[in-house]
C-alpha atoms as a PDB file:
ATOM      1  CA  MET A   1      44.234  32.754 -69.933  1.00  0.00           C
ATOM      2  CA  ILE A   2      46.349  30.808 -67.438  1.00  0.00           C
ATOM      3  CA  ILE A   3      45.777  27.062 -67.192  1.00  0.00           C
ATOM      4  CA  ALA A   4      47.355  24.906 -64.479  1.00  0.00           C
ATOM      5  CA  VAL A   5      47.839  21.156 -64.726  1.00  0.00           C
ATOM      6  CA  CYS A   6      48.375  19.435 -61.381  1.00  0.00           C
ATOM      7  CA  ASP A   7      49.275  15.761 -61.664  1.00  0.00           C
ATOM      8  CA  ASP A   8      52.063  13.694 -60.127  1.00  0.00           C
ATOM      9  CA  ASN A   9      52.061  11.366 -63.143  1.00  0.00           C
ATOM     10  CA  LYS A  10      54.304  12.938 -65.779  1.00  0.00           C
ATOM     11  CA  GLN A  11      52.818  10.946 -68.651  1.00  0.00           C
ATOM     12  CA  ASP A  12      49.246  11.947 -67.758  1.00  0.00           C
ATOM     13  CA  MET A  13      50.383  15.554 -67.408  1.00  0.00           C
ATOM     14  CA  GLU A  14      51.936  15.498 -70.883  1.00  0.00           C
ATOM     15  CA  THR A  15      48.827  13.875 -72.365  1.00  0.00           C
ATOM     16  CA  VAL A  16      46.353  16.437 -71.050  1.00  0.00           C
ATOM     17  CA  SER A  17      48.761  19.259 -71.957  1.00  0.00           C
ATOM     18  CA  GLY A  18      48.872  17.985 -75.534  1.00  0.00           C
ATOM     19  CA  LEU A  19      45.083  17.946 -75.746  1.00  0.00           C
ATOM     20  CA  ILE A  20      44.916  21.499 -74.375  1.00  0.00           C
ATOM     21  CA  TYR A  21      47.473  22.586 -76.978  1.00  0.00           C
ATOM     22  CA  THR A  22      45.380  20.998 -79.741  1.00  0.00           C
ATOM     23  CA  TYR A  23      42.237  22.672 -78.412  1.00  0.00           C
ATOM     24  CA  PHE A  24      43.726  26.163 -78.401  1.00  0.00           C
ATOM     25  CA  SER A  25      45.550  25.725 -81.714  1.00  0.00           C
ATOM     26  CA  GLU A  26      42.097  25.828 -83.311  1.00  0.00           C
ATOM     27  CA  ARG A  27      41.094  29.032 -81.526  1.00  0.00           C
ATOM     28  CA  SER A  28      42.430  32.595 -81.427  1.00  0.00           C
ATOM     29  CA  VAL A  29      42.866  32.714 -77.662  1.00  0.00           C
ATOM     30  CA  GLU A  30      46.220  33.294 -75.999  1.00  0.00           C
ATOM     31  CA  TYR A  31      46.958  31.008 -73.079  1.00  0.00           C
ATOM     32  CA  LYS A  32      49.748  29.931 -70.772  1.00  0.00           C
ATOM     33  CA  LEU A  33      50.284  26.501 -69.202  1.00  0.00           C
ATOM     34  CA  VAL A  34      51.802  26.071 -65.748  1.00  0.00           C
ATOM     35  CA  TYR A  35      52.582  22.729 -64.127  1.00  0.00           C
ATOM     36  CA  TYR A  36      52.502  21.398 -60.566  1.00  0.00           C
ATOM     37  CA  GLU A  37      53.663  17.928 -59.573  1.00  0.00           C
ATOM     38  CA  THR A  38      52.451  18.174 -55.963  1.00  0.00           C
ATOM     39  CA  SER A  39      49.320  19.529 -54.357  1.00  0.00           C
ATOM     40  CA  GLN A  40      51.388  21.657 -51.978  1.00  0.00           C
ATOM     41  CA  GLU A  41      53.051  23.468 -54.892  1.00  0.00           C
ATOM     42  CA  LEU A  42      49.633  24.295 -56.293  1.00  0.00           C
ATOM     43  CA  LEU A  43      48.226  25.495 -52.974  1.00  0.00           C
ATOM     44  CA  CYS A  44      51.244  27.673 -52.218  1.00  0.00           C
ATOM     45  CA  SER A  45      51.020  29.228 -55.669  1.00  0.00           C
ATOM     46  CA  VAL A  46      47.334  30.085 -55.294  1.00  0.00           C
ATOM     47  CA  ILE A  47      47.815  31.455 -51.779  1.00  0.00           C
ATOM     48  CA  ASP A  48      50.574  33.701 -53.117  1.00  0.00           C
ATOM     49  CA  GLU A  49      48.016  35.198 -55.547  1.00  0.00           C
ATOM     50  CA  TYR A  50      49.263  33.556 -58.751  1.00  0.00           C
ATOM     51  CA  ARG A  51      45.820  32.321 -59.650  1.00  0.00           C
ATOM     52  CA  PRO A  52      45.139  30.366 -62.836  1.00  0.00           C
ATOM     53  CA  ASP A  53      41.817  30.650 -64.624  1.00  0.00           C
ATOM     54  CA  ILE A  54      41.468  26.874 -64.959  1.00  0.00           C
ATOM     55  CA  ILE A  55      43.012  24.015 -62.975  1.00  0.00           C
ATOM     56  CA  PHE A  56      43.168  20.440 -64.241  1.00  0.00           C
ATOM     57  CA  LEU A  57      43.466  18.538 -60.961  1.00  0.00           C
ATOM     58  CA  ASP A  58      44.091  14.808 -60.588  1.00  0.00           C
ATOM     59  CA  VAL A  59      41.847  13.098 -58.016  1.00  0.00           C
ATOM     60  CA  TYR A  60      44.768  11.120 -56.566  1.00  0.00           C
ATOM     61  CA  MET A  61      47.738  13.310 -55.706  1.00  0.00           C
ATOM     62  CA  ASP A  62      51.103  12.931 -53.982  1.00  0.00           C
ATOM     63  CA  ASN A  63      51.433   9.190 -54.624  1.00  0.00           C
ATOM     64  CA  TYR A  64      47.869   8.538 -53.438  1.00  0.00           C
ATOM     65  CA  GLN A  65      48.517  10.340 -50.164  1.00  0.00           C
ATOM     66  CA  ARG A  66      46.058  13.144 -50.860  1.00  0.00           C
ATOM     67  CA  LEU A  67      42.725  13.412 -52.633  1.00  0.00           C
ATOM     68  CA  GLY A  68      42.203  16.058 -55.284  1.00  0.00           C
ATOM     69  CA  ILE A  69      38.764  16.722 -53.791  1.00  0.00           C
ATOM     70  CA  ASP A  70      40.401  17.773 -50.517  1.00  0.00           C
ATOM     71  CA  VAL A  71      42.878  19.969 -52.396  1.00  0.00           C
ATOM     72  CA  ALA A  72      39.964  21.624 -54.196  1.00  0.00           C
ATOM     73  CA  LYS A  73      38.223  22.296 -50.879  1.00  0.00           C
ATOM     74  CA  GLU A  74      41.355  24.056 -49.630  1.00  0.00           C
ATOM     75  CA  LEU A  75      41.503  26.098 -52.828  1.00  0.00           C
ATOM     76  CA  ARG A  76      37.922  27.243 -52.309  1.00  0.00           C
ATOM     77  CA  LYS A  77      38.715  28.161 -48.695  1.00  0.00           C
ATOM     78  CA  GLU A  78      41.435  30.409 -50.098  1.00  0.00           C
ATOM     79  CA  ASN A  79      38.712  32.105 -52.177  1.00  0.00           C
ATOM     80  CA  PHE A  80      39.908  30.603 -55.446  1.00  0.00           C
ATOM     81  CA  ASP A  81      36.994  31.232 -57.800  1.00  0.00           C
ATOM     82  CA  GLY A  82      38.523  29.837 -60.974  1.00  0.00           C
ATOM     83  CA  LYS A  83      37.423  26.697 -62.791  1.00  0.00           C
ATOM     84  CA  ILE A  84      38.429  23.244 -61.551  1.00  0.00           C
ATOM     85  CA  ILE A  85      38.388  20.223 -63.853  1.00  0.00           C
ATOM     86  CA  PHE A  86      39.114  16.883 -62.228  1.00  0.00           C
ATOM     87  CA  THR A  87      41.039  14.189 -64.066  1.00  0.00           C
ATOM     88  CA  ALA A  88      40.491  10.659 -62.839  1.00  0.00           C
ATOM     89  CA  SER A  89      40.826   6.955 -63.506  1.00  0.00           C
ATOM     90  CA  THR A  90      37.727   6.253 -61.405  1.00  0.00           C
ATOM     91  CA  PRO A  91      34.233   7.819 -61.353  1.00  0.00           C
ATOM     92  CA  ILE A  92      33.747   7.440 -57.593  1.00  0.00           C
ATOM     93  CA  PHE A  93      34.419  11.122 -56.844  1.00  0.00           C
ATOM     94  CA  ALA A  94      32.273  12.515 -59.674  1.00  0.00           C
ATOM     95  CA  VAL A  95      29.260  13.295 -57.468  1.00  0.00           C
ATOM     96  CA  GLU A  96      31.414  14.766 -54.695  1.00  0.00           C
ATOM     97  CA  SER A  97      33.067  17.088 -57.222  1.00  0.00           C
ATOM     98  CA  TYR A  98      29.863  19.147 -57.239  1.00  0.00           C
ATOM     99  CA  ASP A  99      30.595  20.133 -53.628  1.00  0.00           C
ATOM    100  CA  VAL A 100      33.539  22.232 -54.838  1.00  0.00           C
ATOM    101  CA  ASN A 101      31.709  23.591 -57.874  1.00  0.00           C
ATOM    102  CA  ALA A 102      33.811  21.604 -60.346  1.00  0.00           C
ATOM    103  CA  SER A 103      33.415  22.502 -64.009  1.00  0.00           C
ATOM    104  CA  GLY A 104      34.215  19.024 -65.310  1.00  0.00           C
ATOM    105  CA  TYR A 105      35.260  15.478 -64.514  1.00  0.00           C
ATOM    106  CA  LEU A 106      37.412  13.845 -67.199  1.00  0.00           C
ATOM    107  CA  MET A 107      38.066  10.141 -67.144  1.00  0.00           C
ATOM    108  CA  LYS A 108      41.362   8.543 -68.176  1.00  0.00           C
ATOM    109  CA  PRO A 109      42.241   7.640 -70.880  1.00  0.00           C
ATOM    110  CA  TYR A 110      41.259  11.110 -72.013  1.00  0.00           C
ATOM    111  CA  SER A 111      38.701  11.789 -74.704  1.00  0.00           C
ATOM    112  CA  TYR A 112      39.488  14.867 -76.783  1.00  0.00           C
ATOM    113  CA  THR A 113      35.798  15.240 -77.599  1.00  0.00           C
ATOM    114  CA  LYS A 114      34.866  15.375 -73.905  1.00  0.00           C
ATOM    115  CA  LEU A 115      37.691  17.806 -73.142  1.00  0.00           C
ATOM    116  CA  CYS A 116      36.400  20.089 -75.915  1.00  0.00           C
ATOM    117  CA  SER A 117      32.879  19.880 -74.507  1.00  0.00           C
ATOM    118  CA  VAL A 118      34.046  20.957 -71.043  1.00  0.00           C
ATOM    119  CA  MET A 119      36.334  23.693 -72.354  1.00  0.00           C
ATOM    120  CA  ASN A 120      33.684  25.117 -74.671  1.00  0.00           C
ATOM    121  CA  ARG A 121      31.346  25.646 -71.712  1.00  0.00           C
ATOM    122  CA  ILE A 122      34.091  27.369 -69.756  1.00  0.00           C
ATOM    123  CA  ILE A 123      35.210  29.606 -72.616  1.00  0.00           C
ATOM    124  CA  ILE A 124      31.665  30.892 -73.102  1.00  0.00           C
ATOM    125  CA  ASN A 125      31.336  31.851 -69.417  1.00  0.00           C
ATOM    126  CA  TYR A 126      34.905  33.135 -69.327  1.00  0.00           C
ATOM    127  CA  SER A 127      34.298  35.560 -72.186  1.00  0.00           C
ATOM    128  CA  ILE A 128      31.260  37.064 -70.441  1.00  0.00           C
ATOM    129  CA  ASN A 129      33.256  38.178 -67.391  1.00  0.00           C
ATOM    130  CA  SER A 130      36.468  39.122 -69.134  1.00  0.00           C
ATOM    131  CA  TYR A 131      37.892  41.940 -71.204  1.00  0.00           C
ATOM    132  CA  SER A 132      39.233  41.112 -74.661  1.00  0.00           C
ATOM    133  CA  VAL A 133      42.542  42.572 -75.760  1.00  0.00           C
ATOM    134  CA  LYS A 134      43.991  42.038 -79.226  1.00  0.00           C
ATOM    135  CA  ARG A 135      47.613  40.918 -79.293  1.00  0.00           C
ATOM    136  CA  ARG A 136      49.116  40.252 -82.705  1.00  0.00           C
ATOM    137  CA  SER A 137      46.939  37.596 -84.356  1.00  0.00           C
ATOM    138  CA  SER A 138      45.291  36.397 -81.148  1.00  0.00           C
ATOM    139  CA  VAL A 139      42.847  37.669 -78.558  1.00  0.00           C
ATOM    140  CA  VAL A 140      43.659  37.667 -74.842  1.00  0.00           C
ATOM    141  CA  ARG A 141      40.663  37.484 -72.529  1.00  0.00           C
ATOM    142  CA  ILE A 142      41.481  38.968 -69.133  1.00  0.00           C
ATOM    143  CA  PRO A 143      39.079  38.191 -66.278  1.00  0.00           C
ATOM    144  CA  TYR A 144      37.763  41.264 -64.507  1.00  0.00           C
ATOM    145  CA  ASN A 145      39.209  39.863 -61.270  1.00  0.00           C
ATOM    146  CA  ASP A 146      42.698  40.049 -62.792  1.00  0.00           C
ATOM    147  CA  ILE A 147      42.524  43.695 -63.884  1.00  0.00           C
ATOM    148  CA  VAL A 148      44.240  45.816 -61.208  1.00  0.00           C
ATOM    149  CA  PHE A 149      44.028  49.219 -62.884  1.00  0.00           C
ATOM    150  CA  VAL A 150      44.004  50.862 -66.294  1.00  0.00           C
ATOM    151  CA  GLU A 151      46.223  53.848 -66.978  1.00  0.00           C
ATOM    152  CA  SER A 152      45.836  56.390 -69.770  1.00  0.00           C
ATOM    153  CA  ILE A 153      49.137  57.475 -71.330  1.00  0.00           C
ATOM    154  CA  ASN A 154      48.996  59.898 -74.245  1.00  0.00           C
ATOM    155  CA  SER A 155      46.908  58.267 -76.994  1.00  0.00           C
ATOM    156  CA  LYS A 156      46.845  54.792 -75.502  1.00  0.00           C
ATOM    157  CA  CYS A 157      45.928  52.948 -72.315  1.00  0.00           C
ATOM    158  CA  VAL A 158      47.907  50.366 -70.386  1.00  0.00           C
ATOM    159  CA  LEU A 159      45.984  47.622 -68.618  1.00  0.00           C
ATOM    160  CA  HIS A 160      47.836  46.252 -65.583  1.00  0.00           C
ATOM    161  CA  ARG A 161      47.114  42.635 -64.670  1.00  0.00           C
ATOM    162  CA  SER A 162      47.498  40.974 -61.269  1.00  0.00           C
ATOM    163  CA  ASP A 163      50.254  38.632 -62.519  1.00  0.00           C
ATOM    164  CA  GLY A 164      52.417  41.665 -63.347  1.00  0.00           C
ATOM    165  CA  SER A 165      51.828  41.653 -67.097  1.00  0.00           C
ATOM    166  CA  ASP A 166      50.759  44.783 -69.009  1.00  0.00           C
ATOM    167  CA  TYR A 167      48.634  45.156 -72.119  1.00  0.00           C
ATOM    168  CA  THR A 168      48.536  48.186 -74.404  1.00  0.00           C
ATOM    169  CA  VAL A 169      45.077  49.137 -75.644  1.00  0.00           C
ATOM    170  CA  TYR A 170      44.653  51.834 -78.277  1.00  0.00           C
ATOM    171  CA  LYS A 171      41.410  53.234 -76.929  1.00  0.00           C
ATOM    172  CA  ARG A 172      40.317  56.118 -74.743  1.00  0.00           C
ATOM    173  CA  LEU A 173      40.016  55.370 -71.050  1.00  0.00           C
ATOM    174  CA  SER A 174      36.360  56.406 -71.092  1.00  0.00           C
ATOM    175  CA  ASP A 175      35.690  53.797 -73.801  1.00  0.00           C
ATOM    176  CA  ILE A 176      37.316  51.052 -71.716  1.00  0.00           C
ATOM    177  CA  GLU A 177      35.334  52.189 -68.685  1.00  0.00           C
ATOM    178  CA  ASN A 178      32.086  51.878 -70.644  1.00  0.00           C
ATOM    179  CA  GLU A 179      33.059  48.490 -72.041  1.00  0.00           C
ATOM    180  CA  LEU A 180      33.864  47.109 -68.588  1.00  0.00           C
ATOM    181  CA  ASN A 181      30.711  48.611 -67.058  1.00  0.00           C
ATOM    182  CA  ASP A 182      31.296  46.909 -63.719  1.00  0.00           C
ATOM    183  CA  SER A 183      30.803  48.306 -60.211  1.00  0.00           C
ATOM    184  CA  ARG A 184      34.247  47.214 -58.995  1.00  0.00           C
ATOM    185  CA  PHE A 185      35.955  49.698 -61.336  1.00  0.00           C
ATOM    186  CA  LEU A 186      36.227  53.293 -60.156  1.00  0.00           C
ATOM    187  CA  ARG A 187      37.177  56.205 -62.397  1.00  0.00           C
ATOM    188  CA  CYS A 188      39.179  58.070 -59.788  1.00  0.00           C
ATOM    189  CA  HIS A 189      41.191  60.322 -62.108  1.00  0.00           C
ATOM    190  CA  GLN A 190      41.147  61.403 -65.740  1.00  0.00           C
ATOM    191  CA  SER A 191      44.074  59.029 -66.283  1.00  0.00           C
ATOM    192  CA  TYR A 192      43.137  56.122 -64.012  1.00  0.00           C
ATOM    193  CA  LEU A 193      40.486  53.447 -63.701  1.00  0.00           C
ATOM    194  CA  VAL A 194      41.078  51.226 -60.655  1.00  0.00           C
ATOM    195  CA  ASN A 195      39.708  47.888 -59.486  1.00  0.00           C
ATOM    196  CA  MET A 196      38.636  48.703 -55.919  1.00  0.00           C
ATOM    197  CA  ASN A 197      39.292  45.118 -54.789  1.00  0.00           C
ATOM    198  CA  TYR A 198      43.025  45.828 -55.091  1.00  0.00           C
ATOM    199  CA  ILE A 199      43.077  49.005 -52.992  1.00  0.00           C
ATOM    200  CA  SER A 200      44.919  48.579 -49.684  1.00  0.00           C
ATOM    201  CA  LYS A 201      44.778  52.197 -48.466  1.00  0.00           C
ATOM    202  CA  ALA A 202      42.836  55.331 -49.390  1.00  0.00           C
ATOM    203  CA  ASP A 203      44.431  58.697 -48.630  1.00  0.00           C
ATOM    204  CA  LYS A 204      45.205  61.511 -51.062  1.00  0.00           C
ATOM    205  CA  SER A 205      45.836  58.709 -53.520  1.00  0.00           C
ATOM    206  CA  PHE A 206      45.056  54.996 -53.622  1.00  0.00           C
ATOM    207  CA  MET A 207      47.763  52.588 -52.502  1.00  0.00           C
ATOM    208  CA  LEU A 208      47.339  49.153 -54.071  1.00  0.00           C
ATOM    209  CA  PHE A 209      48.355  45.770 -52.688  1.00  0.00           C
ATOM    210  CA  SER A 210      50.833  45.544 -55.563  1.00  0.00           C
ATOM    211  CA  GLY A 211      52.627  48.643 -54.274  1.00  0.00           C
ATOM    212  CA  ASP A 212      51.398  50.806 -57.152  1.00  0.00           C
ATOM    213  CA  ILE A 213      49.971  54.234 -56.410  1.00  0.00           C
ATOM    214  CA  VAL A 214      46.915  55.458 -58.313  1.00  0.00           C
ATOM    215  CA  SER A 215      46.097  59.166 -58.326  1.00  0.00           C
ATOM    216  CA  ILE A 216      42.761  60.553 -57.165  1.00  0.00           C
ATOM    217  CA  ARG A 217      41.191  63.640 -58.707  1.00  0.00           C
ATOM    218  CA  GLN A 218      41.799  66.101 -55.859  1.00  0.00           C
ATOM    219  CA  ARG A 219      38.788  68.311 -56.435  1.00  0.00           C
ATOM    220  CA  ASN A 220      36.587  65.223 -56.016  1.00  0.00           C
ATOM    221  CA  LEU A 221      38.715  63.554 -53.350  1.00  0.00           C
ATOM    222  CA  ARG A 222      35.978  63.306 -50.728  1.00  0.00           C
ATOM    223  CA  SER A 223      33.282  61.926 -53.053  1.00  0.00           C
ATOM    224  CA  ILE A 224      35.654  59.426 -54.686  1.00  0.00           C
ATOM    225  CA  LYS A 225      36.831  58.078 -51.330  1.00  0.00           C
ATOM    226  CA  LYS A 226      33.204  57.896 -50.188  1.00  0.00           C
ATOM    227  CA  GLN A 227      32.353  55.843 -53.250  1.00  0.00           C
ATOM    228  CA  TYR A 228      35.212  53.478 -52.459  1.00  0.00           C
ATOM    229  CA  PHE A 229      34.234  53.082 -48.780  1.00  0.00           C
ATOM    230  CA  GLU A 230      30.593  52.402 -49.745  1.00  0.00           C
ATOM    231  CA  TYR A 231      31.725  49.731 -52.209  1.00  0.00           C
ATOM    232  CA  ILE A 232      33.826  47.985 -49.552  1.00  0.00           C
ATOM    233  CA  LYS A 233      31.008  48.178 -47.016  1.00  0.00           C
ATOM    234  CA  ASN A 234      28.457  46.755 -49.444  1.00  0.00           C
ATOM    235  CA  LYS A 235      30.841  43.995 -50.465  1.00  0.00           C
ATOM    236  CA  HIS A 236      31.432  43.076 -46.795  1.00  0.00           C
ATOM    237  CA  ASP A 237      27.685  43.078 -46.063  1.00  0.00           C
ATOM    238  CA  ILE A 238      27.008  40.777 -49.018  1.00  0.00           C
ATOM    239  CA  GLN A 239      29.714  38.322 -47.977  1.00  0.00           C
ATOM    240  CA  TYR A 240      28.518  38.049 -44.383  1.00  0.00           C
ATOM    241  CA  MET A 241      24.740  38.158 -44.733  1.00  0.00           C
END
């Protein structure tokens, strides 16, 4: 799980980061914190596809020159579908936060109890639409949106994530396919399961936006490509109805 904290006040940033650390120290979930001191840094990062799962966003950014609500609206325009939690010293934007589908509105000084309440709601929803991978003594939950493709290599599988990280899973590819059970994933080869949202070109193989090439079972080439094209068409129709 990737969590971003966007606040131009260093002390407030350190405070909320400490509370997040305390929260996760009591749970077996692996996470990573990233920091942004300006709204522009955050927006550029999201546009470049480095998308956190949760953003803690201050309502007054850039020395009061920009509202966090407006930043959140830009994030949503860029199709950011992660969770946004506003941090604020005033409640006046609490109602407006619903317009950007905010998951929480935390008042300063922070209450650890309230932070836990917000995070617990998010973790429950996050686990429903994510795939759990064991790593040492912790469990990493990877959102379906972040899974680019899964590759079977000998007796193990390697799950490739959109941020460039890889995870080794000691299961059969067919087992992972059944566990995911989601229409965006296409079993295109005995060794590959691909997230069709990441396909940039379909030919004799799939070219992904990441530059990776995923093989297609040649004897089923026509039917597999047809399945992909139907998925893209249906997705486009749903978006523009």
